């Protein structure tokens, strides 16, 4: 997926419940690097997960 897809998805999470962030999972290509979102905690009180970016 390209960066425009992530940009389009972000507004759909605004003012929604925490579970809506699951829609952001995926790989986003920014040309010089890739952003990979593999895990998003389903519980807002859970510890954060790490992300991956590849150059």
C-alpha atoms as a PDB file:
ATOM      1  CA  UNK A   1       0.000   0.000   0.000  1.00  0.00           C
ATOM      2  CA  UNK A   2       1.229   3.482  -0.582  1.00  0.00           C
ATOM      3  CA  UNK A   3       1.327   6.445   1.773  1.00  0.00           C
ATOM      4  CA  UNK A   4      -1.863   7.940   0.352  1.00  0.00           C
ATOM      5  CA  UNK A   5      -3.843   4.934   1.561  1.00  0.00           C
ATOM      6  CA  UNK A   6      -2.658   5.471   5.146  1.00  0.00           C
ATOM      7  CA  UNK A   7      -3.429   9.178   4.877  1.00  0.00           C
ATOM      8  CA  UNK A   8      -6.962   8.324   3.742  1.00  0.00           C
ATOM      9  CA  UNK A   9      -7.455   5.790   6.563  1.00  0.00           C
ATOM     10  CA  UNK A  10      -6.372   8.066   9.431  1.00  0.00           C
ATOM     11  CA  UNK A  11      -9.440  10.362   9.437  1.00  0.00           C
ATOM     12  CA  UNK A  12     -11.707   7.311   9.742  1.00  0.00           C
ATOM     13  CA  UNK A  13     -10.189   6.580  13.168  1.00  0.00           C
ATOM     14  CA  UNK A  14     -10.913  10.069  14.508  1.00  0.00           C
ATOM     15  CA  UNK A  15     -13.464  10.063  17.353  1.00  0.00           C
ATOM     16  CA  UNK A  16     -13.949   6.298  16.988  1.00  0.00           C
ATOM     17  CA  UNK A  17     -13.394   3.569  19.551  1.00  0.00           C
ATOM     18  CA  UNK A  18      -9.933   2.151  20.113  1.00  0.00           C
ATOM     19  CA  UNK A  19     -10.658  -0.905  17.956  1.00  0.00           C
ATOM     20  CA  UNK A  20     -10.867   1.249  14.830  1.00  0.00           C
ATOM     21  CA  UNK A  21      -7.063   1.479  14.806  1.00  0.00           C
ATOM     22  CA  UNK A  22      -6.965  -2.157  13.651  1.00  0.00           C
ATOM     23  CA  UNK A  23      -7.819  -0.867  10.168  1.00  0.00           C
ATOM     24  CA  UNK A  24      -4.335   0.708  10.008  1.00  0.00           C
ATOM     25  CA  UNK A  25      -2.525  -2.643   9.961  1.00  0.00           C
ATOM     26  CA  UNK A  26      -0.424  -3.133   6.850  1.00  0.00           C
ATOM     27  CA  UNK A  27       2.675  -2.060   4.953  1.00  0.00           C
ATOM     28  CA  UNK A  28       2.916   1.465   3.582  1.00  0.00           C
ATOM     29  CA  UNK A  29       5.510   2.412   0.963  1.00  0.00           C
ATOM     30  CA  UNK A  30       6.938   5.924   1.258  1.00  0.00           C
ATOM     31  CA  UNK A  31       9.550   5.526  -1.471  1.00  0.00           C
ATOM     32  CA  UNK A  32      12.668   5.939   0.687  1.00  0.00           C
ATOM     33  CA  UNK A  33      11.315   3.698   3.432  1.00  0.00           C
ATOM     34  CA  UNK A  34       8.469   1.337   4.292  1.00  0.00           C
ATOM     35  CA  UNK A  35       6.316   1.643   7.391  1.00  0.00           C
ATOM     36  CA  UNK A  36       5.031  -1.722   8.598  1.00  0.00           C
ATOM     37  CA  UNK A  37       2.265  -1.790  11.193  1.00  0.00           C
ATOM     38  CA  UNK A  38       2.002  -5.406  12.328  1.00  0.00           C
ATOM     39  CA  UNK A  39       0.289  -5.144  15.690  1.00  0.00           C
ATOM     40  CA  UNK A  40      -1.954  -2.635  17.394  1.00  0.00           C
ATOM     41  CA  UNK A  41      -3.079  -3.363  20.954  1.00  0.00           C
ATOM     42  CA  UNK A  42      -6.839  -3.881  21.188  1.00  0.00           C
ATOM     43  CA  UNK A  43      -6.928  -2.585  24.750  1.00  0.00           C
ATOM     44  CA  UNK A  44      -6.051   1.090  25.369  1.00  0.00           C
ATOM     45  CA  UNK A  45      -4.425   0.125  28.678  1.00  0.00           C
ATOM     46  CA  UNK A  46      -2.191  -2.562  27.144  1.00  0.00           C
ATOM     47  CA  UNK A  47       1.504  -1.793  26.699  1.00  0.00           C
ATOM     48  CA  UNK A  48       2.417  -0.357  23.296  1.00  0.00           C
ATOM     49  CA  UNK A  49       3.722  -2.542  20.494  1.00  0.00           C
ATOM     50  CA  UNK A  50       6.800  -1.737  18.485  1.00  0.00           C
ATOM     51  CA  UNK A  51       6.700  -0.864  14.808  1.00  0.00           C
ATOM     52  CA  UNK A  52       9.013  -1.584  11.905  1.00  0.00           C
ATOM     53  CA  UNK A  53      10.388   0.731   9.278  1.00  0.00           C
ATOM     54  CA  UNK A  54      12.727  -0.395   6.532  1.00  0.00           C
ATOM     55  CA  UNK A  55      15.062   1.772   4.537  1.00  0.00           C
END
